N, C-alpha and C. Protein backbone atom coordinates (compact mmCIF):
# COMPACT_ATOMS: atom_id res chain seq x y z
N MET A 1 152.30 38.19 36.12
CA MET A 1 152.39 37.91 37.45
C MET A 1 152.84 39.69 37.96
N ALA A 2 153.45 40.63 37.75
CA ALA A 2 154.04 41.19 38.42
C ALA A 2 152.36 42.06 39.07
N PHE A 3 151.90 41.52 37.88
CA PHE A 3 149.85 42.81 38.67
C PHE A 3 149.19 41.90 39.44
N ALA A 4 149.70 40.23 39.41
CA ALA A 4 148.90 40.17 40.27
C ALA A 4 149.80 39.94 42.00
N ILE A 5 150.98 40.28 41.94
CA ILE A 5 151.97 40.79 42.97
C ILE A 5 151.49 41.91 43.18
N LEU A 6 151.32 43.26 42.17
CA LEU A 6 151.00 44.15 42.86
C LEU A 6 149.81 44.42 43.47
N PHE A 7 149.07 43.45 43.07
CA PHE A 7 147.46 43.35 42.82
C PHE A 7 147.54 43.34 44.99
N ILE A 8 148.22 42.16 44.88
CA ILE A 8 148.09 41.54 46.52
C ILE A 8 148.11 41.91 47.20
N VAL A 9 150.12 42.59 47.03
CA VAL A 9 150.34 44.50 48.26
C VAL A 9 149.41 45.09 48.17
N MET A 10 148.84 45.53 46.81
CA MET A 10 147.70 46.63 46.72
C MET A 10 147.33 46.02 47.92
N ALA A 11 145.98 44.87 47.71
CA ALA A 11 144.94 43.89 48.47
C ALA A 11 145.55 44.05 49.79
N LYS A 12 146.86 44.11 50.36
CA LYS A 12 147.20 44.04 51.82
C LYS A 12 147.42 44.97 52.61
N PHE A 13 148.37 46.09 52.12
CA PHE A 13 148.61 47.09 52.33
C PHE A 13 147.01 48.19 52.26
N ALA A 14 147.08 48.37 51.41
CA ALA A 14 146.22 49.74 50.70
C ALA A 14 144.87 49.63 50.41
N TYR A 15 144.33 48.36 50.70
CA TYR A 15 142.61 48.08 50.71
C TYR A 15 142.39 48.55 51.74
N PRO A 16 143.08 48.14 53.04
CA PRO A 16 142.56 48.59 54.32
C PRO A 16 142.84 50.24 55.04
N ALA A 17 143.60 50.16 54.34
CA ALA A 17 143.95 52.02 54.52
C ALA A 17 142.31 52.80 53.45
N ILE A 18 142.23 52.01 52.25
CA ILE A 18 141.66 52.20 51.69
C ILE A 18 139.94 52.42 52.26
N LYS A 19 139.80 51.44 52.70
CA LYS A 19 138.87 51.22 53.13
C LYS A 19 138.33 51.62 54.67
N LYS A 20 139.18 51.69 55.44
CA LYS A 20 139.26 52.47 56.42
C LYS A 20 139.16 54.29 56.51
N ALA A 21 139.80 54.71 55.15
CA ALA A 21 139.95 56.21 54.77
C ALA A 21 137.73 56.30 54.38
N MET A 22 137.65 55.42 53.46
CA MET A 22 135.89 55.50 52.82
C MET A 22 135.26 55.58 54.19
N GLU A 23 135.46 54.49 54.85
CA GLU A 23 134.28 54.51 56.30
C GLU A 23 134.33 55.44 57.37
N ALA A 24 136.11 56.10 57.13
CA ALA A 24 135.23 57.17 58.16
C ALA A 24 135.38 58.49 57.38
N ARG A 25 134.99 57.99 55.54
CA ARG A 25 134.29 59.25 54.90
C ARG A 25 132.74 59.49 55.19
N ALA A 26 132.85 58.19 54.82
CA ALA A 26 131.09 57.50 55.25
C ALA A 26 130.21 58.11 56.54
N ASP A 27 131.84 57.87 57.48
CA ASP A 27 130.86 58.04 59.24
C ASP A 27 131.00 59.73 59.11
N LYS A 28 131.70 60.60 58.51
CA LYS A 28 131.58 61.55 58.71
C LYS A 28 130.29 62.39 58.08
N ILE A 29 130.01 61.69 56.94
CA ILE A 29 128.99 62.27 56.03
C ILE A 29 127.44 61.88 57.24
N GLN A 30 127.75 60.46 56.97
CA GLN A 30 126.67 60.49 58.20
C GLN A 30 126.36 61.30 59.31
N GLY A 31 127.65 61.38 59.87
CA GLY A 31 127.39 62.31 61.30
C GLY A 31 127.06 63.72 60.72
N ASP A 32 127.77 64.63 59.22
CA ASP A 32 127.15 65.91 59.28
C ASP A 32 125.75 65.42 58.90
N LEU A 33 124.99 64.51 58.22
CA LEU A 33 123.71 64.23 57.92
C LEU A 33 122.86 64.58 59.34
N ASP A 34 123.18 63.56 60.34
CA ASP A 34 122.91 63.65 61.25
C ASP A 34 122.49 64.99 62.02
N ALA A 35 123.63 65.74 62.25
CA ALA A 35 123.52 67.18 62.87
C ALA A 35 122.41 67.93 61.72
N ALA A 36 122.82 67.94 60.56
CA ALA A 36 121.64 68.32 60.06
C ALA A 36 120.39 68.09 60.05
N ASP A 37 120.33 66.86 60.11
CA ASP A 37 118.82 67.21 60.66
C ASP A 37 118.21 67.01 61.89
N ALA A 38 119.37 67.20 63.30
CA ALA A 38 119.76 67.26 64.77
C ALA A 38 119.05 69.24 64.19
N ALA A 39 120.15 69.43 63.54
CA ALA A 39 119.35 71.34 63.52
C ALA A 39 118.69 71.29 62.68
N ARG A 40 118.08 70.35 62.00
CA ARG A 40 116.90 71.28 61.30
C ARG A 40 115.61 70.89 62.49
N SER A 41 115.66 69.76 62.74
CA SER A 41 115.02 69.05 64.13
C SER A 41 114.37 70.61 64.97
N GLU A 42 115.96 71.04 65.33
CA GLU A 42 115.53 72.01 66.64
C GLU A 42 115.43 73.54 65.94
N ALA A 43 115.66 73.74 64.35
CA ALA A 43 115.26 74.59 64.12
C ALA A 43 114.02 75.31 64.19
N GLU A 44 113.18 73.63 63.05
CA GLU A 44 111.53 73.31 63.20
C GLU A 44 111.07 73.83 65.23
N SER A 45 111.55 73.24 65.73
CA SER A 45 111.29 73.07 66.99
C SER A 45 111.01 74.84 67.50
N LEU A 46 112.43 75.39 67.67
CA LEU A 46 112.41 77.28 67.67
C LEU A 46 111.68 77.71 66.88
N ARG A 47 111.27 77.42 65.11
CA ARG A 47 110.16 78.24 65.35
C ARG A 47 108.42 77.63 65.70
N ALA A 48 108.44 77.03 66.22
CA ALA A 48 107.19 76.55 66.37
C ALA A 48 106.99 77.42 67.65
N GLU A 49 108.03 77.41 68.62
CA GLU A 49 108.57 77.99 69.67
C GLU A 49 107.80 79.40 69.47
N TYR A 50 108.78 79.75 68.65
CA TYR A 50 108.43 81.58 68.16
C TYR A 50 107.54 82.10 67.63
N ASP A 51 106.80 80.54 67.04
CA ASP A 51 105.75 81.27 66.30
C ASP A 51 103.87 81.06 67.85
N SER A 52 104.62 79.88 68.43
CA SER A 52 103.70 80.12 70.08
C SER A 52 103.64 81.51 70.33
N LYS A 53 104.87 81.40 70.68
CA LYS A 53 105.73 82.79 71.65
C LYS A 53 104.81 84.52 70.90
N ILE A 54 104.53 84.22 69.52
CA ILE A 54 104.08 85.17 69.04
C ILE A 54 102.55 85.61 69.25
N ALA A 55 101.91 84.14 68.98
CA ALA A 55 100.60 84.33 69.26
C ALA A 55 100.21 84.74 70.75
N GLU A 56 100.65 84.04 71.58
CA GLU A 56 100.47 84.52 72.99
C GLU A 56 100.62 85.94 72.85
N ALA A 57 101.89 86.79 72.02
CA ALA A 57 102.13 87.59 72.61
C ALA A 57 101.29 88.71 72.02
N GLN A 58 100.33 88.31 70.49
CA GLN A 58 99.49 88.96 69.54
C GLN A 58 97.68 88.70 70.84
N ALA A 59 98.00 88.02 70.50
CA ALA A 59 96.92 87.50 72.59
C ALA A 59 96.82 88.87 73.00
N GLU A 60 98.02 88.71 73.89
CA GLU A 60 98.51 89.43 74.76
C GLU A 60 97.88 91.25 74.49
N ALA A 61 98.32 90.93 73.29
CA ALA A 61 98.30 92.53 72.78
C ALA A 61 96.62 92.82 72.90
N SER A 62 95.94 92.11 71.97
CA SER A 62 94.37 92.05 71.84
C SER A 62 94.20 92.08 73.66
N ARG A 63 94.36 91.17 74.21
CA ARG A 63 93.49 91.68 75.44
C ARG A 63 93.90 93.26 76.03
N ILE A 64 95.25 93.36 76.40
CA ILE A 64 95.62 94.77 76.78
C ILE A 64 94.64 95.95 76.14
N LEU A 65 94.75 95.64 74.86
CA LEU A 65 94.09 96.64 73.66
C LEU A 65 92.27 96.86 74.37
N GLU A 66 91.79 95.70 74.29
CA GLU A 66 90.66 95.40 74.62
C GLU A 66 90.60 96.22 76.17
N ALA A 67 90.79 95.86 77.06
CA ALA A 67 91.03 95.84 78.18
C ALA A 67 91.50 97.49 78.83
N ALA A 68 91.98 98.00 77.56
CA ALA A 68 91.87 99.19 77.76
C ALA A 68 90.97 100.18 77.26
N ARG A 69 90.56 99.86 76.79
CA ARG A 69 89.30 100.24 75.49
C ARG A 69 88.08 99.95 76.86
N ALA A 70 87.63 99.16 77.67
CA ALA A 70 87.34 98.77 78.20
C ALA A 70 87.42 100.37 79.67
N GLU A 71 87.86 100.01 79.74
CA GLU A 71 88.60 101.22 81.06
C GLU A 71 88.48 102.64 80.47
N ALA A 72 88.91 102.58 79.13
CA ALA A 72 88.18 104.42 78.72
C ALA A 72 87.02 104.22 78.75
N GLU A 73 86.19 102.98 78.24
CA GLU A 73 84.66 103.56 77.89
C GLU A 73 83.68 103.73 79.17
N GLN A 74 84.57 102.71 80.29
CA GLN A 74 84.29 102.89 81.70
C GLN A 74 84.61 104.18 82.10
N VAL A 75 85.79 104.89 82.15
CA VAL A 75 86.42 106.70 82.74
C VAL A 75 85.11 107.55 81.85
N ARG A 76 84.66 107.22 79.96
CA ARG A 76 83.90 108.13 80.02
C ARG A 76 82.68 108.12 80.79
N GLN A 77 81.88 106.77 81.04
CA GLN A 77 80.76 107.31 81.36
C GLN A 77 80.98 107.33 82.80
N GLU A 78 81.47 107.42 83.39
CA GLU A 78 81.58 107.55 84.88
C GLU A 78 82.10 109.49 84.79
N ARG A 79 82.30 110.51 83.92
CA ARG A 79 82.62 111.63 83.77
C ARG A 79 81.39 111.99 83.45
N LEU A 80 80.45 111.39 82.26
CA LEU A 80 79.62 111.54 81.57
C LEU A 80 78.34 111.36 83.62
N ALA A 81 78.18 110.68 84.11
CA ALA A 81 77.54 110.34 85.33
C ALA A 81 78.23 111.59 85.68
N ALA A 82 79.26 111.87 86.47
CA ALA A 82 79.46 112.95 87.21
C ALA A 82 78.99 114.31 86.99
N ILE A 83 78.96 114.65 85.36
CA ILE A 83 78.96 116.29 84.66
C ILE A 83 77.75 116.25 84.85
N GLU A 84 76.64 115.18 84.46
CA GLU A 84 74.95 114.60 84.84
C GLU A 84 74.69 115.86 85.11
N PRO A 85 74.70 116.44 86.52
CA PRO A 85 73.97 116.93 87.84
C PRO A 85 74.05 118.01 87.74
N GLU A 86 75.40 118.40 87.10
CA GLU A 86 75.72 119.77 87.20
C GLU A 86 74.84 120.45 85.40
N ILE A 87 75.01 119.30 84.31
CA ILE A 87 74.32 120.04 83.79
C ILE A 87 73.01 120.05 83.64
N GLU A 88 72.10 119.49 84.51
CA GLU A 88 71.02 119.72 84.83
C GLU A 88 70.32 120.66 85.85
N GLU A 89 71.76 121.01 86.84
CA GLU A 89 71.50 121.95 87.18
C GLU A 89 71.91 123.36 86.00
N LYS A 90 72.48 123.41 85.40
CA LYS A 90 72.86 124.75 84.73
C LYS A 90 71.33 124.94 83.24
N ARG A 91 70.58 123.09 83.22
CA ARG A 91 69.67 123.83 82.90
C ARG A 91 68.66 124.51 83.48
N ALA A 92 68.09 123.92 84.32
CA ALA A 92 67.32 124.29 85.54
C ALA A 92 67.76 125.55 85.96
N GLN A 93 69.09 125.96 86.19
CA GLN A 93 68.65 127.28 86.19
C GLN A 93 69.19 128.75 85.06
N ALA A 94 69.39 128.34 83.74
CA ALA A 94 68.76 128.58 82.12
C ALA A 94 66.89 128.94 82.20
N ASP A 95 66.79 127.75 82.42
CA ASP A 95 64.51 127.60 82.56
C ASP A 95 64.30 129.14 83.47
N ALA A 96 64.97 128.90 84.86
CA ALA A 96 64.73 129.96 85.99
C ALA A 96 65.25 131.19 85.37
N ASP A 97 65.92 131.75 85.34
CA ASP A 97 66.51 132.63 84.10
C ASP A 97 65.12 133.06 83.69
N ILE A 98 65.10 132.50 82.79
CA ILE A 98 64.18 132.38 81.71
C ILE A 98 62.85 132.72 82.17
N GLU A 99 62.19 131.75 83.29
CA GLU A 99 61.23 132.49 84.26
C GLU A 99 60.99 133.94 84.12
N ALA A 100 62.44 133.57 85.41
CA ALA A 100 62.57 134.85 85.59
C ALA A 100 62.64 136.01 85.00
N ALA A 101 62.75 136.18 83.70
CA ALA A 101 63.07 137.46 82.36
C ALA A 101 61.76 137.59 82.12
N LYS A 102 60.80 136.31 81.74
CA LYS A 102 59.53 136.21 81.25
C LYS A 102 58.68 136.43 82.33
N ALA A 103 59.04 136.94 83.63
CA ALA A 103 58.20 137.32 84.53
C ALA A 103 58.78 138.97 85.05
N ARG A 104 59.52 139.50 84.98
CA ARG A 104 60.36 140.66 84.35
C ARG A 104 59.78 141.77 83.73
N ALA A 105 59.63 141.28 82.37
CA ALA A 105 59.46 141.26 81.11
C ALA A 105 57.98 141.63 81.38
N LEU A 106 56.70 140.93 82.29
CA LEU A 106 55.39 140.67 81.88
C LEU A 106 55.17 141.89 82.45
N ALA A 107 55.73 142.05 83.89
CA ALA A 107 55.53 143.00 85.19
C ALA A 107 55.80 144.41 84.13
N ASP A 108 56.88 144.66 83.63
CA ASP A 108 57.48 145.77 82.69
C ASP A 108 56.01 146.07 81.86
N VAL A 109 56.00 145.46 81.32
CA VAL A 109 54.44 145.71 80.13
C VAL A 109 53.35 145.65 80.83
N ARG A 110 52.67 145.05 81.75
CA ARG A 110 52.05 145.68 82.94
C ARG A 110 51.93 146.84 83.28
N ALA A 111 53.44 147.58 83.96
CA ALA A 111 53.52 149.04 84.79
C ALA A 111 53.06 149.88 83.12
N GLN A 112 54.32 149.27 81.95
CA GLN A 112 53.91 150.18 81.07
C GLN A 112 52.52 150.49 80.19
N VAL A 113 51.90 149.31 80.74
CA VAL A 113 50.16 149.81 80.04
C VAL A 113 49.36 150.64 81.13
N THR A 114 49.61 149.87 82.47
CA THR A 114 49.30 150.52 83.78
C THR A 114 48.98 151.69 83.89
N SER A 115 50.58 152.49 83.65
CA SER A 115 50.54 154.11 83.55
C SER A 115 50.06 154.60 82.24
N LEU A 116 49.75 153.61 81.08
CA LEU A 116 49.13 154.64 79.79
C LEU A 116 47.52 154.09 79.98
N ALA A 117 47.21 153.51 80.50
CA ALA A 117 45.87 153.57 80.99
C ALA A 117 45.37 154.18 81.95
N VAL A 118 46.22 154.84 83.11
CA VAL A 118 46.22 155.61 83.68
C VAL A 118 46.00 156.92 83.54
N GLY A 119 47.16 157.30 82.60
CA GLY A 119 47.33 158.28 82.15
C GLY A 119 46.09 159.17 80.66
N ALA A 120 45.86 157.77 79.86
CA ALA A 120 44.54 157.92 79.10
C ALA A 120 43.14 158.57 79.89
N ALA A 121 42.94 157.61 80.90
CA ALA A 121 42.17 157.62 81.97
C ALA A 121 41.97 159.09 82.20
N GLU A 122 42.64 159.66 83.23
CA GLU A 122 43.00 161.14 83.29
C GLU A 122 42.79 162.03 82.32
N GLN A 123 43.12 162.04 81.28
CA GLN A 123 42.90 162.76 80.28
C GLN A 123 41.62 162.61 79.46
N VAL A 124 40.47 161.29 79.85
CA VAL A 124 39.21 161.20 79.26
C VAL A 124 38.54 162.04 80.51
N VAL A 125 39.18 161.69 82.07
CA VAL A 125 38.18 162.26 83.17
C VAL A 125 38.77 163.52 83.36
N ARG A 126 39.49 164.52 83.00
CA ARG A 126 39.73 165.69 82.93
C ARG A 126 39.21 166.14 82.07
N SER A 127 38.76 165.88 80.21
CA SER A 127 38.08 166.21 79.96
C SER A 127 36.40 166.10 79.53
N SER A 128 36.46 165.07 80.72
CA SER A 128 35.00 165.06 80.69
C SER A 128 34.32 165.66 81.84
N LEU A 129 35.05 165.90 82.79
CA LEU A 129 34.53 166.07 84.18
C LEU A 129 34.13 167.62 84.26
N ASP A 130 32.96 167.95 84.93
CA ASP A 130 33.87 169.45 85.06
C ASP A 130 33.92 169.21 86.90
N GLU A 131 33.73 170.67 87.51
CA GLU A 131 33.88 170.50 88.51
C GLU A 131 33.09 170.06 89.37
N ALA A 132 31.55 170.40 89.66
CA ALA A 132 31.09 169.60 90.06
C ALA A 132 31.02 167.91 90.87
N SER A 133 31.18 168.02 89.11
CA SER A 133 31.52 165.99 88.22
C SER A 133 32.89 165.78 88.98
N TYR A 134 33.35 166.48 89.45
CA TYR A 134 35.00 165.92 89.54
C TYR A 134 35.48 165.87 91.44
N SER A 135 34.06 166.82 92.31
CA SER A 135 33.66 166.49 93.27
C SER A 135 33.03 165.71 93.76
N ARG A 136 31.87 165.03 93.64
CA ARG A 136 31.19 164.04 93.88
C ARG A 136 31.79 162.66 93.47
N LEU A 137 32.87 162.87 92.44
CA LEU A 137 33.58 161.67 92.57
C LEU A 137 34.39 161.60 93.10
N VAL A 138 35.19 162.68 94.09
CA VAL A 138 36.22 163.04 94.87
C VAL A 138 35.67 162.46 96.39
N ASP A 139 34.04 163.20 96.77
CA ASP A 139 33.04 162.62 97.69
C ASP A 139 32.64 161.22 97.68
N ASP A 140 32.57 160.93 96.77
CA ASP A 140 32.16 159.17 96.76
C ASP A 140 33.36 157.94 96.82
N TYR A 141 34.30 158.63 96.49
CA TYR A 141 35.48 157.69 96.41
C TYR A 141 36.22 157.82 97.78
N ILE A 142 36.38 158.62 98.81
CA ILE A 142 36.47 159.33 100.21
C ILE A 142 35.57 158.29 100.86
N GLU A 143 34.06 158.44 100.47
CA GLU A 143 32.99 157.92 101.29
C GLU A 143 33.23 156.29 101.83
N SER A 144 33.87 155.73 99.61
CA SER A 144 34.04 154.29 99.70
C SER A 144 35.19 153.92 100.60
N VAL A 145 36.24 154.13 100.79
CA VAL A 145 37.71 154.47 101.34
C VAL A 145 37.61 154.49 102.89
N GLY A 146 36.10 155.41 103.29
CA GLY A 146 36.57 155.64 104.24
C GLY A 146 35.26 153.82 105.26
N SER A 147 34.36 153.24 104.57
CA SER A 147 33.82 152.19 104.58
C SER A 147 34.45 150.99 104.98
């Protein structure tokens, strides 16, 4: 009978307190689980946002890099186009200098050949002409120049 009284007292006073403590503990556990689920959902959302921003940043970096490459190529083309007339002018000047050098060399060679030919002819004429032939040659020349 003592057991029954103890059981009734326990059921009347202890059971509601134990039940209340168990419910509070269950509510706290459920709240913790809900908070963990919310934190996990928020973390997944933040990760998705982070991944999206990284992808956007990589795409922007690629666009910037491509734009820089295109601009560098354009600058290179513009510089080549700007320097092309100068290169062509220098090439033309070099060609003209070469032609002038050829002409000078040819004139020098002609002058030397002429000088040698005149000297050789003079030697031949002196050795093969006597005074009468020389006089006749000079007279003929003066006559041809005079006419």
